[in-house]
Amino acid sequence: EVQLVESGGGLVQAGGSLRLSCAASGFIFDDYVIGWFRQAPGKEREGVSYISSSDGSTYYAGAVMGRFTISSDNGKNTVYLQMNSVKPEDTAVYYCAAQPEHKILWAGGIGSLTAPDFGSWGRGTQVTVSP
C-alpha cells in the first residue's frame, strides 16, 4: 500500500524558510514522479513542484520559481521541499502526491502534469506565513 506522510509545516514569518518532507512507503521509489501541491482556503489545488525519482527532472510553478527547491533522497524514500523567502500568499495546506512514471499518460514534459495525474496523496501539512 502506497503511503505518503508530510511533515515540516508550521507558522513562519514572511521572508523566512521552512522545509517540508514527504516520507514515502509501499512502493519502489525510483520509478515515480513525486509532486508537491497546495490548496489555500477557497482556492483550487495547484501544483507547486514535481520531481522525477528516476532522472531527477524537476518542475516549479512560476509563483515559487527561485524561492522553493525540491529534492529527493531515494535512499530514504523521502522528497523535500525547501521553501525560502516565503510570502503570505504561500499560506496553504501542502500535499505530497505520487504516481508511477510508467502509468502517466504523458502529454508533455514533467511540467505538464496536474493533480489528476497523481494517484496517491498524503493528508497534507499546514503552512502559514505571517506578514
Protein backbone atom coordinates (compact mmCIF):
# COMPACT_ATOMS: atom_id res chain seq x y z
CA GLU A 1 0.00 0.00 0.00
CA VAL A 2 1.37 3.38 -1.02
CA GLN A 3 1.65 5.77 1.89
CA LEU A 4 2.79 9.38 1.84
CA VAL A 5 3.28 11.34 5.05
CA GLU A 6 4.03 15.04 5.01
CA SER A 7 5.76 16.89 7.82
CA GLY A 8 7.53 20.16 8.47
CA GLY A 9 4.65 22.58 8.16
CA GLY A 10 4.03 25.35 10.66
CA LEU A 11 3.91 29.07 11.21
CA VAL A 12 6.69 31.20 9.74
CA GLN A 13 7.17 34.91 9.21
CA ALA A 14 7.34 36.37 5.74
CA GLY A 15 10.86 36.16 4.40
CA GLY A 16 11.64 33.09 6.47
CA SER A 17 12.25 29.48 5.49
CA LEU A 18 10.62 26.13 6.02
CA ARG A 19 11.44 22.63 4.84
CA LEU A 20 8.68 20.17 4.13
CA SER A 21 9.30 16.43 3.99
CA CYS A 22 7.32 13.71 2.28
CA ALA A 23 8.12 10.22 3.57
CA ALA A 24 7.01 7.54 1.14
CA SER A 25 6.50 3.83 1.70
CA GLY A 26 4.92 0.88 -0.03
CA PHE A 27 6.46 1.33 -3.46
CA ILE A 28 9.74 1.33 -5.34
CA PHE A 29 10.86 4.90 -5.13
CA ASP A 30 12.98 5.03 -8.26
CA ASP A 31 10.11 4.86 -10.75
CA TYR A 32 7.86 7.64 -9.55
CA VAL A 33 7.06 11.27 -10.05
CA ILE A 34 6.57 12.94 -6.68
CA GLY A 35 4.77 16.24 -6.54
CA TRP A 36 4.03 18.96 -4.04
CA PHE A 37 0.65 20.65 -4.32
CA ARG A 38 -1.01 23.30 -2.21
CA GLN A 39 -4.52 24.44 -1.56
CA ALA A 40 -5.45 27.71 0.07
CA PRO A 41 -8.93 28.34 1.50
CA GLY A 42 -11.40 28.99 -1.28
CA LYS A 43 -8.90 28.16 -3.99
CA GLU A 44 -8.24 25.18 -6.20
CA ARG A 45 -5.39 22.79 -5.54
CA GLU A 46 -2.35 23.83 -7.54
CA GLY A 47 0.89 22.16 -8.44
CA VAL A 48 3.92 23.69 -6.74
CA SER A 49 6.83 21.47 -7.71
CA TYR A 50 7.46 17.98 -9.03
CA ILE A 51 10.47 15.69 -9.27
CA SER A 52 11.15 12.52 -11.17
CA SER A 53 12.85 10.00 -8.93
CA SER A 54 14.26 8.21 -11.99
CA ASP A 55 16.10 11.04 -13.72
CA GLY A 56 15.83 13.96 -11.29
CA SER A 57 13.99 16.24 -13.68
CA THR A 58 12.00 18.94 -11.92
CA TYR A 59 9.18 21.41 -12.39
CA TYR A 60 8.40 24.60 -10.48
CA ALA A 61 5.32 26.75 -10.67
CA GLY A 62 6.08 30.31 -11.65
CA ALA A 63 4.96 31.63 -8.27
CA VAL A 64 7.67 29.69 -6.43
CA MET A 65 10.46 29.63 -9.03
CA GLY A 66 13.70 30.79 -7.47
CA ARG A 67 12.36 30.51 -3.91
CA PHE A 68 11.47 26.82 -3.50
CA THR A 69 13.70 23.82 -4.16
CA ILE A 70 12.56 20.24 -4.47
CA SER A 71 14.94 17.36 -3.82
CA SER A 72 14.80 13.64 -3.42
CA ASP A 73 16.70 11.21 -1.20
CA ASN A 74 15.96 7.88 -2.83
CA GLY A 75 17.81 6.01 -0.10
CA LYS A 76 15.39 7.41 2.48
CA ASN A 77 12.34 7.36 0.19
CA THR A 78 11.83 11.00 1.05
CA VAL A 79 11.21 14.10 -1.01
CA TYR A 80 11.83 17.56 0.40
CA LEU A 81 10.52 20.99 -0.44
CA GLN A 82 12.81 23.75 0.78
CA MET A 83 10.82 26.95 0.98
CA ASN A 84 12.81 30.17 1.19
CA SER A 85 11.73 33.81 1.15
CA VAL A 86 8.20 32.72 1.91
CA LYS A 87 5.30 35.11 1.37
CA PRO A 88 1.84 35.34 2.96
CA GLU A 89 0.40 34.08 -0.33
CA ASP A 90 2.28 30.81 0.23
CA THR A 91 -0.13 30.05 3.08
CA ALA A 92 -1.93 26.80 2.28
CA VAL A 93 -2.19 23.14 3.08
CA TYR A 94 0.67 21.43 1.25
CA TYR A 95 0.13 17.93 -0.09
CA CYS A 96 2.56 15.35 -1.36
CA ALA A 97 1.46 13.15 -4.26
CA ALA A 98 2.98 10.29 -6.21
CA GLN A 99 2.41 8.40 -9.44
CA PRO A 100 4.41 5.66 -11.17
CA GLU A 101 6.06 7.14 -14.22
CA HIS A 102 5.02 4.24 -16.45
CA LYS A 103 1.35 4.86 -15.56
CA ILE A 104 1.39 8.53 -16.51
CA LEU A 105 -0.23 9.49 -19.81
CA TRP A 106 2.48 11.93 -20.78
CA ALA A 107 1.12 14.87 -22.79
CA GLY A 108 4.38 16.76 -22.44
CA GLY A 109 7.24 17.10 -20.00
CA ILE A 110 7.07 16.89 -16.24
CA GLY A 111 5.65 20.42 -16.13
CA SER A 112 2.54 19.26 -17.99
CA LEU A 113 1.33 17.17 -15.05
CA THR A 114 -1.64 18.24 -12.98
CA ALA A 115 -3.37 16.89 -9.89
CA PRO A 116 -5.48 14.26 -11.73
CA ASP A 117 -2.25 12.66 -12.99
CA PHE A 118 -1.32 11.64 -9.44
CA GLY A 119 -2.98 8.63 -7.87
CA SER A 120 -1.61 8.64 -4.32
CA TRP A 121 -1.87 11.51 -1.87
CA GLY A 122 -0.81 12.37 1.63
CA ARG A 123 -3.04 14.09 4.15
CA GLY A 124 -1.28 17.41 3.94
CA THR A 125 0.59 19.75 6.25
CA GLN A 126 -0.44 23.32 7.03
CA VAL A 127 1.92 26.16 6.18
CA THR A 128 1.01 29.59 7.48
CA VAL A 129 3.08 32.65 6.60
CA SER A 130 2.51 35.73 8.71
CA PRO A 131 3.12 39.22 7.27
